């Protein structure tokens, strides 16, 4: 597969977040790391939230020399009260943290289902709840929920993930309707499969579930419905997140920005 090139640089969206505070969850790796670095490059003071201390330390090292700053915040999002408190005073909130398990419904562990919905749906609700008073008070705010093509379509063996992402879509729309009179937008970004550790784990899990090699999982399952036959890079998703924070995107709210290579065109 051809490696992509549209990464942030000379062609990045014009965005100035100087003086703004952003919070990104799941910031230690993958999409979250790319979002944290992109928003810091635009001048934001980024609160990078994750439970991975080593990943946060590495992220902080990568942020040197950017216009903004990255502040590592070690936090497990299953601590919902702490999550809500961490969001206080933020201007830009990026709900990105996620986890995945691939199992048939009748074999899916109930405790894992509960954890997935806690981290990927209830925590975003609490984070939005914590961020909105400040956003409303100043008449400006951006909520960006990193959803998925699985917020729009379902796949077998992913009951918790699909349920959480579908719920996040509804939460995002509700926040958009309530936030509009206060200058706050809320949108989802919906990538297909992104080149992250989570997807690498899915390759192995799906290979076991289907009884086929991981390479066949990639070509025959993950990329089957995508017209563009490659994984998305985290930086491409981060650029979409950044665009939704620009002045030009002020009229975009309550919608889903789909980055799926043509998957949902079927």
Protein backbone atom coordinates (compact mmCIF):
# COMPACT_ATOMS: atom_id res chain seq x y z
CA UNK A 1 0.00 0.00 0.00
CA UNK A 2 1.21 3.48 -0.85
CA UNK A 3 2.32 5.54 2.13
CA UNK A 4 0.35 8.78 2.48
CA UNK A 5 1.88 12.22 2.56
CA UNK A 6 -0.79 14.76 3.66
CA UNK A 7 0.71 15.45 7.08
CA UNK A 8 0.76 18.77 8.94
CA UNK A 9 3.34 21.23 7.67
CA UNK A 10 3.12 23.93 5.02
CA UNK A 11 -0.38 22.78 4.09
CA UNK A 12 -1.79 22.57 7.62
CA UNK A 13 -5.03 24.44 8.37
CA UNK A 14 -4.49 28.05 9.48
CA UNK A 15 -5.14 27.88 13.20
CA UNK A 16 -4.09 30.15 16.05
CA UNK A 17 -4.92 28.85 19.51
CA UNK A 18 -2.59 31.18 21.36
CA UNK A 19 -4.00 31.81 24.83
CA UNK A 20 -6.36 28.85 24.58
CA UNK A 21 -6.32 25.72 26.73
CA UNK A 22 -7.05 22.36 25.10
CA UNK A 23 -7.60 18.98 26.68
CA UNK A 24 -6.95 15.78 24.73
CA UNK A 25 -7.75 12.36 26.16
CA UNK A 26 -5.85 9.25 25.17
CA UNK A 27 -2.99 11.60 24.37
CA UNK A 28 -0.04 9.29 24.99
CA UNK A 29 -0.27 7.48 21.65
CA UNK A 30 -1.83 7.36 18.22
CA UNK A 31 -4.54 9.86 17.32
CA UNK A 32 -4.41 11.51 20.73
CA UNK A 33 -0.70 12.18 20.52
CA UNK A 34 -1.08 13.61 17.02
CA UNK A 35 -3.93 15.87 18.20
CA UNK A 36 -1.99 17.09 21.23
CA UNK A 37 1.03 17.98 19.11
CA UNK A 38 -1.11 19.63 16.42
CA UNK A 39 -2.97 21.83 18.90
CA UNK A 40 0.25 22.71 20.71
CA UNK A 41 1.79 23.65 17.36
CA UNK A 42 -1.13 26.08 16.96
CA UNK A 43 -0.20 27.72 20.25
CA UNK A 44 -2.54 25.98 22.70
CA UNK A 45 -1.65 24.98 26.20
CA UNK A 46 -2.56 21.30 25.93
CA UNK A 47 -3.57 19.13 28.86
CA UNK A 48 -2.54 15.69 27.65
CA UNK A 49 -4.62 13.14 29.55
CA UNK A 50 -3.75 9.45 29.67
CA UNK A 51 -3.06 6.62 32.11
CA UNK A 52 0.19 5.77 30.28
CA UNK A 53 2.91 7.64 32.19
CA UNK A 54 5.74 6.60 29.87
CA UNK A 55 3.76 7.62 26.80
CA UNK A 56 2.98 11.01 28.29
CA UNK A 57 6.65 11.55 29.09
CA UNK A 58 7.58 10.75 25.51
CA UNK A 59 4.89 13.12 24.24
CA UNK A 60 6.19 15.95 26.41
CA UNK A 61 9.64 15.41 24.92
CA UNK A 62 8.22 15.67 21.41
CA UNK A 63 6.51 18.98 22.18
CA UNK A 64 9.67 21.03 22.73
CA UNK A 65 9.95 23.94 20.33
CA UNK A 66 6.24 24.18 19.54
CA UNK A 67 4.35 27.45 19.86
CA UNK A 68 2.26 26.06 22.70
CA UNK A 69 2.91 23.65 25.55
CA UNK A 70 1.97 20.11 26.56
CA UNK A 71 1.15 19.41 30.19
CA UNK A 72 1.00 15.66 30.97
CA UNK A 73 -2.01 14.71 33.12
CA UNK A 74 -1.88 11.15 34.44
CA UNK A 75 -5.52 10.10 34.77
CA UNK A 76 -7.61 6.95 34.41
CA UNK A 77 -10.89 8.01 32.82
CA UNK A 78 -12.83 5.42 34.79
CA UNK A 79 -12.41 7.93 37.64
CA UNK A 80 -15.32 9.99 36.34
CA UNK A 81 -15.24 12.68 39.01
CA UNK A 82 -11.55 13.34 38.33
CA UNK A 83 -12.23 13.45 34.59
CA UNK A 84 -14.90 16.11 35.00
CA UNK A 85 -12.65 18.18 37.24
CA UNK A 86 -9.76 17.93 34.75
CA UNK A 87 -11.90 19.53 32.03
CA UNK A 88 -12.63 22.71 33.98
CA UNK A 89 -11.34 25.82 32.24
CA UNK A 90 -10.73 24.24 28.85
CA UNK A 91 -11.49 26.02 25.59
CA UNK A 92 -11.02 23.02 23.29
CA UNK A 93 -11.97 19.49 24.34
CA UNK A 94 -10.94 16.48 22.27
CA UNK A 95 -12.55 13.25 23.46
CA UNK A 96 -10.31 10.62 21.93
CA UNK A 97 -9.52 7.87 24.46
CA UNK A 98 -10.72 4.43 23.49
CA UNK A 99 -10.24 0.71 23.85
CA UNK A 100 -11.35 -2.30 21.88
CA UNK A 101 -12.12 -5.96 22.31
CA UNK A 102 -13.18 -8.24 19.47
CA UNK A 103 -15.46 -11.07 20.64
CA UNK A 104 -18.83 -12.56 19.64
CA UNK A 105 -21.69 -11.13 21.70
CA UNK A 106 -22.31 -14.34 23.60
CA UNK A 107 -18.64 -14.47 24.61
CA UNK A 108 -18.15 -10.76 25.33
CA UNK A 109 -17.16 -10.20 28.99
CA UNK A 110 -19.78 -7.97 30.65
CA UNK A 111 -17.14 -6.21 32.74
CA UNK A 112 -15.23 -5.23 29.59
CA UNK A 113 -18.44 -3.97 27.97
CA UNK A 114 -19.00 -1.81 31.05
CA UNK A 115 -15.43 -0.45 30.98
CA UNK A 116 -15.59 0.38 27.27
CA UNK A 117 -18.80 2.36 27.70
CA UNK A 118 -17.44 4.09 30.79
CA UNK A 119 -14.25 5.28 29.05
CA UNK A 120 -15.73 5.99 25.62
CA UNK A 121 -19.18 7.39 26.43
CA UNK A 122 -19.68 8.24 30.10
CA UNK A 123 -16.25 9.89 30.47
CA UNK A 124 -16.83 12.13 27.42
CA UNK A 125 -20.15 13.17 28.97
CA UNK A 126 -18.41 14.07 32.21
CA UNK A 127 -15.59 15.89 30.40
CA UNK A 128 -18.07 17.92 28.35
CA UNK A 129 -20.03 18.65 31.51
CA UNK A 130 -16.84 19.91 33.17
CA UNK A 131 -15.77 22.03 30.20
CA UNK A 132 -19.03 23.75 29.27
CA UNK A 133 -19.33 26.28 32.12
CA UNK A 134 -16.07 27.96 31.07
CA UNK A 135 -16.91 27.74 27.37
CA UNK A 136 -20.38 29.19 27.95
CA UNK A 137 -18.99 31.93 30.15
CA UNK A 138 -16.68 33.22 27.44
CA UNK A 139 -19.02 32.58 24.50
CA UNK A 140 -16.61 30.28 22.65
CA UNK A 141 -15.67 26.63 22.76
CA UNK A 142 -14.89 23.63 20.61
CA UNK A 143 -15.83 20.05 21.46
CA UNK A 144 -14.41 17.47 19.06
CA UNK A 145 -15.31 13.85 19.64
CA UNK A 146 -13.08 11.33 17.91
CA UNK A 147 -15.72 8.86 16.87
CA UNK A 148 -15.24 6.30 14.12
CA UNK A 149 -16.84 4.93 11.01
CA UNK A 150 -18.25 2.54 13.62
CA UNK A 151 -20.26 5.44 14.96
CA UNK A 152 -22.10 5.30 11.62
CA UNK A 153 -21.87 1.61 10.71
CA UNK A 154 -21.66 -1.61 12.70
CA UNK A 155 -19.27 -4.54 12.42
CA UNK A 156 -19.62 -8.00 13.89
CA UNK A 157 -17.75 -8.88 17.10
CA UNK A 158 -17.44 -5.23 18.27
CA UNK A 159 -20.58 -4.77 20.34
CA UNK A 160 -19.10 -2.52 23.02
CA UNK A 161 -17.08 -0.32 20.67
CA UNK A 162 -19.96 0.14 18.22
CA UNK A 163 -22.42 0.86 21.02
CA UNK A 164 -20.09 3.42 22.59
CA UNK A 165 -19.38 5.21 19.31
CA UNK A 166 -23.05 5.34 18.35
CA UNK A 167 -23.78 6.81 21.77
CA UNK A 168 -20.99 9.35 21.35
CA UNK A 169 -22.60 10.52 18.09
CA UNK A 170 -25.83 11.27 19.93
CA UNK A 171 -24.06 12.96 22.82
CA UNK A 172 -22.14 15.15 20.38
CA UNK A 173 -25.31 16.25 18.59
CA UNK A 174 -27.02 17.10 21.87
CA UNK A 175 -24.01 19.17 22.95
CA UNK A 176 -24.16 20.97 19.59
CA UNK A 177 -27.82 21.91 20.00
CA UNK A 178 -27.34 23.13 23.56
CA UNK A 179 -24.03 24.86 22.87
CA UNK A 180 -24.99 26.81 19.76
CA UNK A 181 -26.50 29.81 21.60
CA UNK A 182 -23.26 30.05 23.60
CA UNK A 183 -20.79 29.99 20.70
CA UNK A 184 -19.80 26.37 21.34
CA UNK A 185 -19.63 23.83 18.53
CA UNK A 186 -19.62 20.06 18.95
CA UNK A 187 -18.72 17.63 16.19
CA UNK A 188 -17.49 14.13 15.59
CA UNK A 189 -14.54 13.11 13.47
CA UNK A 190 -15.10 9.65 12.00
CA UNK A 191 -12.02 7.89 10.66
CA UNK A 192 -11.90 4.38 9.33
CA UNK A 193 -8.93 2.28 10.48
CA UNK A 194 -6.01 4.41 11.64
CA UNK A 195 -2.40 3.27 11.87
CA UNK A 196 -2.31 2.94 15.68
CA UNK A 197 -1.46 0.36 18.31
CA UNK A 198 -5.20 -0.21 18.80
CA UNK A 199 -5.56 -1.29 15.17
CA UNK A 200 -2.46 -3.48 15.38
CA UNK A 201 -4.11 -5.27 18.31
CA UNK A 202 -7.33 -5.58 16.31
CA UNK A 203 -5.45 -7.33 13.53
CA UNK A 204 -4.36 -10.01 15.99
CA UNK A 205 -7.79 -10.24 17.66
CA UNK A 206 -9.65 -10.45 14.36
CA UNK A 207 -7.18 -13.04 13.08
CA UNK A 208 -8.05 -15.23 16.06
CA UNK A 209 -11.78 -14.58 15.74
CA UNK A 210 -11.87 -15.40 12.03
CA UNK A 211 -9.10 -18.00 11.95
CA UNK A 212 -7.07 -16.24 9.25
CA UNK A 213 -3.62 -14.56 9.15
CA UNK A 214 -3.36 -10.87 10.19
CA UNK A 215 -2.48 -9.71 6.65
CA UNK A 216 -5.71 -11.20 5.35
CA UNK A 217 -7.58 -9.42 8.15
CA UNK A 218 -6.16 -6.11 6.89
CA UNK A 219 -6.98 -6.64 3.22
CA UNK A 220 -10.16 -8.72 3.45
CA UNK A 221 -11.84 -7.27 6.55
CA UNK A 222 -10.48 -3.92 7.71
CA UNK A 223 -10.04 -2.42 4.23
CA UNK A 224 -12.75 -4.42 2.47
CA UNK A 225 -15.31 -1.59 2.32
CA UNK A 226 -12.85 1.26 1.85
CA UNK A 227 -12.30 2.54 -1.70
CA UNK A 228 -8.92 3.94 -0.61
CA UNK A 229 -6.92 0.85 0.27
CA UNK A 230 -4.69 2.06 3.07
CA UNK A 231 -4.79 2.89 6.74
CA UNK A 232 -5.24 6.52 7.75
CA UNK A 233 -2.34 8.23 9.51
CA UNK A 234 -2.98 9.78 12.95
CA UNK A 235 -1.79 13.16 11.67
CA UNK A 236 -4.57 13.19 9.07
CA UNK A 237 -7.17 12.78 11.81
CA UNK A 238 -5.47 15.49 13.88
CA UNK A 239 -5.68 17.88 10.94
CA UNK A 240 -9.43 17.31 10.73
CA UNK A 241 -9.68 18.03 14.46
CA UNK A 242 -7.68 21.21 13.96
CA UNK A 243 -9.91 22.34 11.09
CA UNK A 244 -12.98 22.14 13.33
CA UNK A 245 -11.27 24.64 15.67
CA UNK A 246 -10.61 27.23 12.95
CA UNK A 247 -12.75 30.36 12.48
CA UNK A 248 -13.78 29.00 9.07
CA UNK A 249 -15.49 26.04 10.79
CA UNK A 250 -17.62 28.13 13.15
CA UNK A 251 -20.84 27.17 11.32
CA UNK A 252 -20.08 23.45 11.44
CA UNK A 253 -21.75 21.83 14.43
CA UNK A 254 -23.77 18.73 15.23
CA UNK A 255 -22.26 16.80 12.37
CA UNK A 256 -19.81 13.99 11.65
CA UNK A 257 -16.71 14.64 9.54
CA UNK A 258 -16.17 11.28 7.88
CA UNK A 259 -12.63 10.21 6.98
CA UNK A 260 -13.39 6.72 5.77
CA UNK A 261 -11.88 6.41 2.30
CA UNK A 262 -15.32 5.90 0.79
CA UNK A 263 -16.51 3.19 3.21
CA UNK A 264 -19.94 4.77 3.87
CA UNK A 265 -20.40 5.65 0.17
CA UNK A 266 -21.67 2.09 -0.37
